[in-house]
Amino acid sequence: MSADASPRKDGSQGSGAAPHPGMLFLEFVIVVAALMALNALAMDIMLPALPDIGKAFDIVNENDRQQVLIAYMIGFGVAQLFFGPISDALGRRKILLGGLFLYSLASIGCLFADTLDHLLIARFIQGVGCAATRVVAVSLVRDSYSGRQMGKVMSLIMMVFMAVPIIAPSIGQVILLVADWHWIFSTLLLAGLVLFIWCFVRLPETLPAERRQKLQAGAILSSYSKVLTNRISLGYMLAMTFVFGGLFSFITMSQQIFVDIFELGTLFPVVFASIAIAMSFASFTNSRLVERLGMRRLSHLATLSYTFFGFLMLVLALLGVQDFWVFVLLCAGVMASFGFIGPNFNAMAMEPLGAIAGTASSVIGFVTTLGGATLGFAMGQMFDGTIQPLALAYTLYGIGGFLAVLYAENGKLFQAQNPAK
């Protein structure tokens, strides 16, 4: 039996009857997708507002407006390292509800920030609160499913989750047409409160007391060590970091590229949505194919296509070709590739670590988010009025992701490795 389809060996419930009692499968997928999408909403709804926020706080250098995104991502990345072990010890619900409450409080702080420093601090805290939702969301899935079925569930979640990046910039743009940028944070506050109430009323605890880990420094460090020394988990975690680096590069530069270079103005969210649709469609396609073809075949091929589209964009950029439609098509190709990469890489990184799903999710989230945000910010600061920095990001980070996959699989592609090796 392949590693993709291996039975659960960690004592968790697996995919048997009522893996999340009291909640139907569809509702489970939607609520987990909404929890993960809360992070995307906090990022993408801000994009149309960056120029107005820059004016409000006298940000002269346009690249410095990216701090509003990066401050959030730093809090989101760092905090994940701590929420995982705590959720493994105390259960998922308490940590999730606490994180949603903190996210909502920070949204109020953003709403009433009167200086840039206050806004950045509130955004950092907002990211800390949302980190709990990311860690717990992935842990909920790993508590309940394994193998290719986990890959399928993650793909369905990603498909629903990707609806938010599609519509979030448009929501932000519509808000700006009738109100100022402060109301964007009111929207984030509302989203946090709705999810808090939904999870408080409906979401069951998926980690029973007998499977919880002790909250001791030695045990936590041992769990961290298991994540970082498992070849498959480490390799796919690094691969996701590189791939996320390209994604975050696009997010940090997208407003400047589409508004400053291609002069789209208020049409920017429409084009952003059209590119995000490619990722959502790919995630849906992955959910239909992954049980039959396997996570490795789909994601390894997608890593190659991700790198190819980025390299083609770079070649054209270096030749001075800066055509709008060519750029959009190549970005859509990269994002479609990511739709096959994201859910499968995450599932494969988590697969060997079911007994410490919370800690594993936190370490993987910490490395991929903070690492990806750092890589994206580095390229975002190189923005020079052309698409070359983004094309370079896709190319270099695609190659880095491909090399990390080779490391994870001992140099072999498209086939599952014996997890004992």
Protein backbone atom coordinates (compact mmCIF):
# COMPACT_ATOMS: atom_id res chain seq x y z
CA MET A 1 0.00 0.00 0.00
CA SER A 2 1.35 3.43 -0.89
CA ALA A 3 2.09 6.08 1.67
CA ASP A 4 -0.68 8.18 0.17
CA ALA A 5 -3.27 5.58 1.07
CA SER A 6 -1.79 4.16 4.26
CA PRO A 7 -4.15 3.47 7.19
CA ARG A 8 -4.00 5.56 10.33
CA LYS A 9 -1.34 4.26 12.73
CA ASP A 10 -1.37 6.97 15.35
CA GLY A 11 -4.50 6.09 17.25
CA SER A 12 -6.60 8.92 15.82
CA GLN A 13 -10.09 8.47 14.58
CA GLY A 14 -9.24 8.41 10.90
CA SER A 15 -12.06 8.57 8.38
CA GLY A 16 -14.45 6.20 10.15
CA ALA A 17 -17.89 7.01 11.48
CA ALA A 18 -18.47 10.51 12.83
CA PRO A 19 -14.88 11.80 12.70
CA HIS A 20 -16.29 15.18 13.78
CA PRO A 21 -19.49 14.27 15.71
CA GLY A 22 -22.43 16.62 15.55
CA MET A 23 -21.33 18.30 12.33
CA LEU A 24 -22.07 17.05 8.82
CA PHE A 25 -19.23 16.70 6.32
CA LEU A 26 -20.29 19.70 4.23
CA GLU A 27 -20.58 22.01 7.22
CA PHE A 28 -17.21 20.78 8.48
CA VAL A 29 -15.56 21.60 5.14
CA ILE A 30 -17.19 25.03 5.03
CA VAL A 31 -16.30 26.04 8.59
CA VAL A 32 -12.67 24.87 8.28
CA ALA A 33 -12.41 26.67 4.93
CA ALA A 34 -13.86 29.81 6.53
CA LEU A 35 -11.32 29.62 9.35
CA MET A 36 -8.47 29.38 6.86
CA ALA A 37 -10.02 32.07 4.66
CA LEU A 38 -10.07 34.54 7.54
CA ASN A 39 -6.35 34.96 6.99
CA ALA A 40 -6.77 35.54 3.25
CA LEU A 41 -9.52 38.07 3.94
CA ALA A 42 -7.28 40.00 6.35
CA MET A 43 -4.64 40.21 3.60
CA ASP A 44 -6.50 40.63 0.32
CA ILE A 45 -9.28 42.98 1.38
CA MET A 46 -6.51 45.48 2.23
CA LEU A 47 -4.99 45.63 -1.25
CA PRO A 48 -7.21 48.33 -2.79
CA ALA A 49 -6.89 50.42 0.39
CA LEU A 50 -3.08 50.55 0.53
CA PRO A 51 -2.81 53.89 -1.32
CA ASP A 52 -5.41 55.50 0.97
CA ILE A 53 -3.72 54.12 4.08
CA GLY A 54 -0.39 55.39 2.76
CA LYS A 55 -1.85 58.89 2.37
CA ALA A 56 -3.50 58.79 5.78
CA PHE A 57 -0.21 58.02 7.52
CA ASP A 58 2.09 60.02 5.21
CA ILE A 59 3.93 56.99 3.79
CA VAL A 60 6.13 58.51 1.09
CA ASN A 61 7.80 55.38 -0.35
CA GLU A 62 5.11 53.32 -2.08
CA ASN A 63 6.94 50.06 -1.29
CA ASP A 64 6.68 50.90 2.43
CA ARG A 65 2.90 50.48 2.23
CA GLN A 66 3.63 46.76 2.15
CA GLN A 67 4.36 47.00 5.90
CA VAL A 68 0.61 46.85 6.53
CA LEU A 69 0.61 43.38 5.01
CA ILE A 70 3.93 42.20 6.39
CA ALA A 71 3.24 43.22 10.03
CA TYR A 72 0.17 41.00 9.95
CA MET A 73 2.06 38.10 8.36
CA ILE A 74 4.86 38.25 10.95
CA GLY A 75 2.35 37.95 13.79
CA PHE A 76 0.50 35.23 11.91
CA GLY A 77 3.69 33.27 11.27
CA VAL A 78 5.43 33.53 14.64
CA ALA A 79 2.39 32.78 16.81
CA GLN A 80 1.69 29.48 15.05
CA LEU A 81 4.77 28.00 16.67
CA PHE A 82 3.10 28.25 20.08
CA PHE A 83 -0.54 27.50 19.35
CA GLY A 84 0.16 24.00 18.09
CA PRO A 85 1.59 22.48 21.30
CA ILE A 86 -1.06 24.28 23.36
CA SER A 87 -3.86 22.86 21.21
CA ASP A 88 -2.32 19.37 21.43
CA ALA A 89 -2.48 19.69 25.22
CA LEU A 90 -5.71 21.57 25.83
CA GLY A 91 -7.79 20.64 22.80
CA ARG A 92 -8.75 22.50 19.64
CA ARG A 93 -11.89 24.45 20.63
CA LYS A 94 -10.43 26.55 23.45
CA ILE A 95 -7.48 27.72 21.38
CA LEU A 96 -9.64 28.43 18.35
CA LEU A 97 -12.18 30.50 20.25
CA GLY A 98 -9.43 32.40 22.05
CA GLY A 99 -7.73 33.19 18.75
CA LEU A 100 -10.96 34.44 17.16
CA PHE A 101 -11.62 36.66 20.18
CA LEU A 102 -8.11 38.17 19.97
CA TYR A 103 -8.50 38.68 16.22
CA SER A 104 -11.72 40.60 16.80
CA LEU A 105 -10.16 42.78 19.51
CA ALA A 106 -7.20 43.58 17.24
CA SER A 107 -9.60 44.52 14.45
CA ILE A 108 -11.05 47.13 16.79
CA GLY A 109 -7.50 48.34 17.46
CA CYS A 110 -6.88 48.70 13.71
CA LEU A 111 -10.18 50.54 13.33
CA PHE A 112 -9.18 53.23 15.82
CA ALA A 113 -5.42 53.43 15.11
CA ASP A 114 -4.28 57.06 14.92
CA THR A 115 -0.65 56.49 13.92
CA LEU A 116 1.12 54.08 11.59
CA ASP A 117 2.90 52.43 14.53
CA HIS A 118 -0.43 51.80 16.27
CA LEU A 119 -1.85 50.31 13.07
CA LEU A 120 1.14 48.02 12.58
CA ILE A 121 0.99 46.83 16.21
CA ALA A 122 -2.72 46.11 15.89
CA ARG A 123 -2.13 44.30 12.60
CA PHE A 124 0.58 42.20 14.27
CA ILE A 125 -1.82 41.23 17.07
CA GLN A 126 -4.52 40.52 14.50
CA GLY A 127 -2.11 38.10 12.84
CA VAL A 128 -1.40 36.45 16.20
CA GLY A 129 -5.10 35.82 16.73
CA CYS A 130 -5.60 34.47 13.23
CA ALA A 131 -2.64 32.11 13.69
CA ALA A 132 -4.78 30.06 16.06
CA THR A 133 -7.41 29.59 13.36
CA ARG A 134 -4.83 28.34 10.86
CA VAL A 135 -3.20 25.87 13.25
CA VAL A 136 -6.50 24.53 14.55
CA ALA A 137 -8.08 24.33 11.08
CA VAL A 138 -5.35 22.04 9.74
CA SER A 139 -5.32 20.05 12.98
CA LEU A 140 -9.09 19.50 12.76
CA VAL A 141 -8.63 17.89 9.36
CA ARG A 142 -5.67 15.76 10.50
CA ASP A 143 -7.60 14.67 13.59
CA SER A 144 -10.38 13.37 11.36
CA TYR A 145 -8.81 12.16 8.10
CA SER A 146 -5.59 10.68 6.71
CA GLY A 147 -3.86 9.72 3.47
CA ARG A 148 -5.42 10.52 0.12
CA GLN A 149 -8.75 11.18 1.82
CA MET A 150 -7.08 13.94 3.77
CA GLY A 151 -5.73 15.26 0.47
CA LYS A 152 -9.25 15.25 -0.94
CA VAL A 153 -10.71 17.01 2.10
CA MET A 154 -7.94 19.62 2.01
CA SER A 155 -8.62 20.19 -1.69
CA LEU A 156 -12.33 20.77 -1.05
CA ILE A 157 -11.43 23.14 1.78
CA MET A 158 -8.97 24.96 -0.48
CA MET A 159 -11.64 25.25 -3.16
CA VAL A 160 -14.05 26.97 -0.74
CA PHE A 161 -11.21 28.91 0.88
CA MET A 162 -10.10 30.31 -2.48
CA ALA A 163 -13.46 32.03 -2.95
CA VAL A 164 -12.22 34.64 -0.46
CA PRO A 165 -9.12 35.80 -2.41
CA ILE A 166 -11.39 35.99 -5.46
CA ILE A 167 -13.89 38.36 -3.87
CA ALA A 168 -11.90 40.03 -1.06
CA PRO A 169 -10.26 42.80 -3.15
CA SER A 170 -13.64 43.54 -4.74
CA ILE A 171 -15.20 43.80 -1.28
CA GLY A 172 -12.45 46.22 -0.30
CA GLN A 173 -12.96 48.25 -3.47
CA VAL A 174 -16.73 48.44 -2.96
CA ILE A 175 -16.22 49.62 0.62
CA LEU A 176 -13.87 52.35 -0.61
CA LEU A 177 -16.47 53.55 -3.11
CA VAL A 178 -18.93 54.37 -0.31
CA ALA A 179 -16.73 54.84 2.79
CA ASP A 180 -13.12 55.25 3.88
CA TRP A 181 -10.54 52.55 4.65
CA HIS A 182 -11.55 52.29 8.32
CA TRP A 183 -14.65 50.36 7.29
CA ILE A 184 -12.47 47.58 5.93
CA PHE A 185 -11.45 46.81 9.50
CA SER A 186 -15.12 46.89 10.51
CA THR A 187 -15.66 44.13 7.95
CA LEU A 188 -12.81 42.08 9.42
CA LEU A 189 -14.29 42.58 12.90
CA LEU A 190 -17.66 41.30 11.69
CA ALA A 191 -16.06 38.25 10.08
CA GLY A 192 -14.21 37.40 13.29
CA LEU A 193 -17.33 37.69 15.42
CA VAL A 194 -19.45 35.58 13.04
CA LEU A 195 -16.87 32.79 13.06
CA PHE A 196 -16.53 32.98 16.85
CA ILE A 197 -20.28 32.46 17.29
CA TRP A 198 -20.45 29.72 14.63
CA CYS A 199 -17.59 27.71 16.15
CA PHE A 200 -18.82 28.24 19.70
CA VAL A 201 -22.24 26.85 18.82
CA ARG A 202 -21.45 24.18 16.23
CA LEU A 203 -17.83 23.02 16.12
CA PRO A 204 -17.09 19.85 18.15
CA GLU A 205 -13.83 19.01 19.89
CA THR A 206 -11.90 16.63 17.60
CA LEU A 207 -9.07 15.81 20.01
CA PRO A 208 -10.28 13.58 22.88
CA ALA A 209 -8.54 13.74 26.22
CA GLU A 210 -6.78 10.38 25.82
CA ARG A 211 -4.92 11.63 22.73
CA ARG A 212 -3.70 14.91 24.18
CA GLN A 213 -0.03 15.63 24.76
CA LYS A 214 1.56 16.93 27.94
CA LEU A 215 2.36 20.63 27.93
CA GLN A 216 5.97 20.21 29.02
CA ALA A 217 9.06 21.85 27.56
CA GLY A 218 10.78 18.52 26.96
CA ALA A 219 7.75 17.02 25.23
CA ILE A 220 7.26 20.14 23.10
CA LEU A 221 10.90 20.21 22.02
CA SER A 222 10.69 16.49 21.25
CA SER A 223 7.64 17.13 19.07
CA TYR A 224 9.40 20.01 17.30
CA SER A 225 12.32 17.68 16.68
CA LYS A 226 10.06 15.03 15.16
CA VAL A 227 8.72 17.54 12.66
CA LEU A 228 12.16 18.87 11.71
CA THR A 229 13.85 15.48 11.45
CA ASN A 230 11.21 13.68 9.41
CA ARG A 231 12.53 13.87 5.86
CA ILE A 232 9.13 13.97 4.15
CA SER A 233 7.67 16.56 6.51
CA LEU A 234 10.75 18.78 6.40
CA GLY A 235 11.11 18.53 2.64
CA TYR A 236 7.52 19.43 1.86
CA MET A 237 7.52 22.15 4.50
CA LEU A 238 10.51 23.78 2.78
CA ALA A 239 8.92 23.28 -0.64
CA MET A 240 5.76 25.03 0.56
CA THR A 241 7.87 27.86 1.95
CA PHE A 242 9.41 28.56 -1.44
CA VAL A 243 6.10 28.27 -3.26
CA PHE A 244 4.45 30.59 -0.74
CA GLY A 245 7.33 33.00 -1.32
CA GLY A 246 6.14 33.38 -4.90
CA LEU A 247 2.52 33.73 -3.81
CA PHE A 248 3.35 36.41 -1.24
CA SER A 249 5.49 38.22 -3.82
CA PHE A 250 2.41 38.44 -6.02
CA ILE A 251 0.23 39.66 -3.15
CA THR A 252 2.67 42.37 -2.05
CA MET A 253 3.27 43.66 -5.60
CA SER A 254 -0.12 43.06 -7.23
CA GLN A 255 -1.65 46.44 -6.41
CA GLN A 256 1.40 48.29 -7.72
CA ILE A 257 1.66 46.15 -10.85
CA PHE A 258 -1.98 46.35 -11.87
CA VAL A 259 -2.57 49.98 -10.85
CA ASP A 260 0.80 51.62 -11.47
CA ILE A 261 2.04 49.62 -14.46
CA PHE A 262 -1.14 48.55 -16.23
CA GLU A 263 -3.26 51.49 -14.97
CA LEU A 264 -6.35 49.43 -14.12
CA GLY A 265 -7.57 51.68 -11.32
CA THR A 266 -10.76 50.33 -9.76
CA LEU A 267 -10.72 47.34 -12.14
CA PHE A 268 -7.75 45.88 -10.27
CA PRO A 269 -9.94 43.62 -8.04
CA VAL A 270 -11.66 42.17 -11.12
CA VAL A 271 -8.37 41.06 -12.67
CA PHE A 272 -7.09 39.83 -9.30
CA ALA A 273 -10.25 37.73 -8.98
CA SER A 274 -9.85 36.26 -12.46
CA ILE A 275 -6.37 35.04 -11.56
CA ALA A 276 -7.54 33.64 -8.22
CA ILE A 277 -10.31 31.71 -10.01
CA ALA A 278 -7.61 29.64 -11.74
CA MET A 279 -6.32 28.55 -8.32
CA SER A 280 -9.79 27.71 -7.05
CA PHE A 281 -10.62 25.66 -10.15
CA ALA A 282 -7.32 23.79 -9.83
CA SER A 283 -8.06 22.96 -6.18
CA PHE A 284 -11.46 21.59 -7.20
CA THR A 285 -9.86 19.52 -9.97
CA ASN A 286 -7.29 18.23 -7.49
CA SER A 287 -10.08 17.08 -5.16
CA ARG A 288 -11.57 15.02 -7.99
CA LEU A 289 -8.29 13.46 -9.09
CA VAL A 290 -6.18 13.04 -5.96
CA GLU A 291 -7.66 9.75 -4.72
CA ARG A 292 -7.17 8.18 -8.15
CA LEU A 293 -3.81 9.65 -9.19
CA GLY A 294 -2.22 10.38 -5.82
CA MET A 295 -0.88 13.54 -4.22
CA ARG A 296 2.64 13.12 -5.52
CA ARG A 297 1.88 12.83 -9.21
CA LEU A 298 -0.33 15.90 -9.17
CA SER A 299 1.80 18.14 -6.95
CA HIS A 300 5.17 17.23 -8.48
CA LEU A 301 3.91 17.99 -11.97
CA ALA A 302 2.40 21.23 -10.68
CA THR A 303 5.75 22.26 -9.17
CA LEU A 304 7.35 21.88 -12.58
CA SER A 305 4.59 23.90 -14.27
CA TYR A 306 4.83 26.60 -11.55
CA THR A 307 8.52 27.01 -12.31
CA PHE A 308 7.99 26.89 -16.08
CA PHE A 309 5.40 29.69 -16.08
CA GLY A 310 7.62 31.81 -13.84
CA PHE A 311 10.66 31.26 -16.05
CA LEU A 312 8.69 32.12 -19.20
CA MET A 313 7.49 35.32 -17.53
CA LEU A 314 11.07 36.20 -16.59
CA VAL A 315 12.38 35.63 -20.12
CA LEU A 316 9.66 37.83 -21.60
CA ALA A 317 10.26 40.51 -18.96
CA LEU A 318 13.98 40.57 -19.69
CA LEU A 319 13.16 40.93 -23.39
CA GLY A 320 11.03 43.96 -22.56
CA VAL A 321 7.69 42.27 -23.18
CA GLN A 322 5.21 43.70 -20.67
CA ASP A 323 1.87 42.84 -22.26
CA PHE A 324 -1.11 42.85 -19.93
CA TRP A 325 -2.88 39.75 -21.26
CA VAL A 326 0.30 37.69 -21.46
CA PHE A 327 1.09 38.64 -17.86
CA VAL A 328 -2.41 37.72 -16.65
CA LEU A 329 -2.31 34.34 -18.42
CA LEU A 330 1.09 33.48 -16.98
CA CYS A 331 0.00 34.52 -13.47
CA ALA A 332 -3.10 32.38 -13.86
CA GLY A 333 -0.86 29.46 -14.85
CA VAL A 334 1.26 29.93 -11.73
CA MET A 335 -1.80 30.19 -9.51
CA ALA A 336 -3.42 27.14 -11.08
CA SER A 337 -0.23 25.23 -10.35
CA PHE A 338 -0.44 26.39 -6.75
CA GLY A 339 -3.97 24.98 -6.56
CA PHE A 340 -2.47 21.51 -7.01
CA ILE A 341 0.56 22.20 -4.81
CA GLY A 342 -0.91 23.77 -1.66
CA PRO A 343 -3.34 21.09 -0.40
CA ASN A 344 -1.11 18.15 -1.40
CA PHE A 345 2.15 19.48 0.02
CA ASN A 346 0.40 20.36 3.26
CA ALA A 347 -1.26 16.94 3.52
CA MET A 348 2.00 15.10 2.78
CA ALA A 349 3.93 17.19 5.30
CA MET A 350 1.30 16.42 7.96
CA GLU A 351 0.78 12.73 7.09
CA PRO A 352 3.63 11.21 9.18
CA LEU A 353 2.79 13.38 12.20
CA GLY A 354 -0.79 12.55 13.15
CA ALA A 355 0.03 11.92 16.82
CA ILE A 356 1.28 15.52 17.17
CA ALA A 357 -0.97 17.16 14.59
CA GLY A 358 -1.26 20.47 16.45
CA THR A 359 2.48 20.87 16.97
CA ALA A 360 3.18 19.71 13.43
CA SER A 361 0.67 22.19 12.03
CA SER A 362 2.20 24.99 14.09
CA VAL A 363 5.79 24.29 13.01
CA ILE A 364 4.79 23.88 9.37
CA GLY A 365 2.67 27.03 9.53
CA PHE A 366 5.44 28.98 11.27
CA VAL A 367 8.10 28.05 8.72
CA THR A 368 5.95 28.33 5.59
CA THR A 369 4.19 31.56 6.58
CA LEU A 370 7.09 33.48 8.07
CA GLY A 371 9.53 32.11 5.51
CA GLY A 372 7.17 32.75 2.61
CA ALA A 373 6.33 36.25 3.87
CA THR A 374 10.04 37.06 4.24
CA LEU A 375 10.79 35.85 0.73
CA GLY A 376 7.79 37.75 -0.63
CA PHE A 377 8.72 40.94 1.23
CA ALA A 378 12.30 40.72 -0.06
CA MET A 379 11.07 40.62 -3.64
CA GLY A 380 8.38 43.21 -2.96
CA GLN A 381 11.04 45.68 -1.84
CA MET A 382 12.77 45.16 -5.19
CA PHE A 383 9.74 46.42 -7.14
CA ASP A 384 11.05 48.87 -9.72
CA GLY A 385 8.07 49.66 -11.91
CA THR A 386 8.42 46.47 -13.97
CA ILE A 387 7.21 42.88 -13.64
CA GLN A 388 10.79 41.54 -13.47
CA PRO A 389 10.94 41.19 -9.65
CA LEU A 390 7.75 39.10 -9.59
CA ALA A 391 8.94 36.95 -12.51
CA LEU A 392 12.26 36.44 -10.73
CA ALA A 393 10.42 35.43 -7.56
CA TYR A 394 8.32 32.81 -9.36
CA THR A 395 11.40 31.38 -11.07
CA LEU A 396 13.82 31.26 -8.15
CA TYR A 397 11.25 30.11 -5.61
CA GLY A 398 9.88 27.52 -8.02
CA ILE A 399 13.35 26.05 -8.42
CA GLY A 400 13.82 26.10 -4.65
CA GLY A 401 10.52 24.27 -4.17
CA PHE A 402 11.46 21.66 -6.76
CA LEU A 403 14.80 20.98 -5.06
CA ALA A 404 13.03 20.63 -1.68
CA VAL A 405 10.67 18.05 -3.21
CA LEU A 406 13.66 16.09 -4.50
CA TYR A 407 15.08 16.13 -0.98
CA ALA A 408 11.79 14.93 0.52
CA GLU A 409 11.52 12.05 -1.94
CA ASN A 410 15.20 11.03 -2.05
CA GLY A 411 15.53 12.25 -5.62
CA LYS A 412 12.47 10.42 -6.98
CA LEU A 413 9.37 12.07 -8.39
CA PHE A 414 5.74 11.06 -9.00
CA GLN A 415 5.78 8.03 -6.69
CA ALA A 416 5.25 7.52 -2.98
CA GLN A 417 8.29 6.58 -0.92
CA ASN A 418 8.31 3.96 1.83
CA PRO A 419 7.60 6.06 4.94
CA ALA A 420 9.92 3.84 6.97
CA LYS A 421 12.92 4.97 4.92
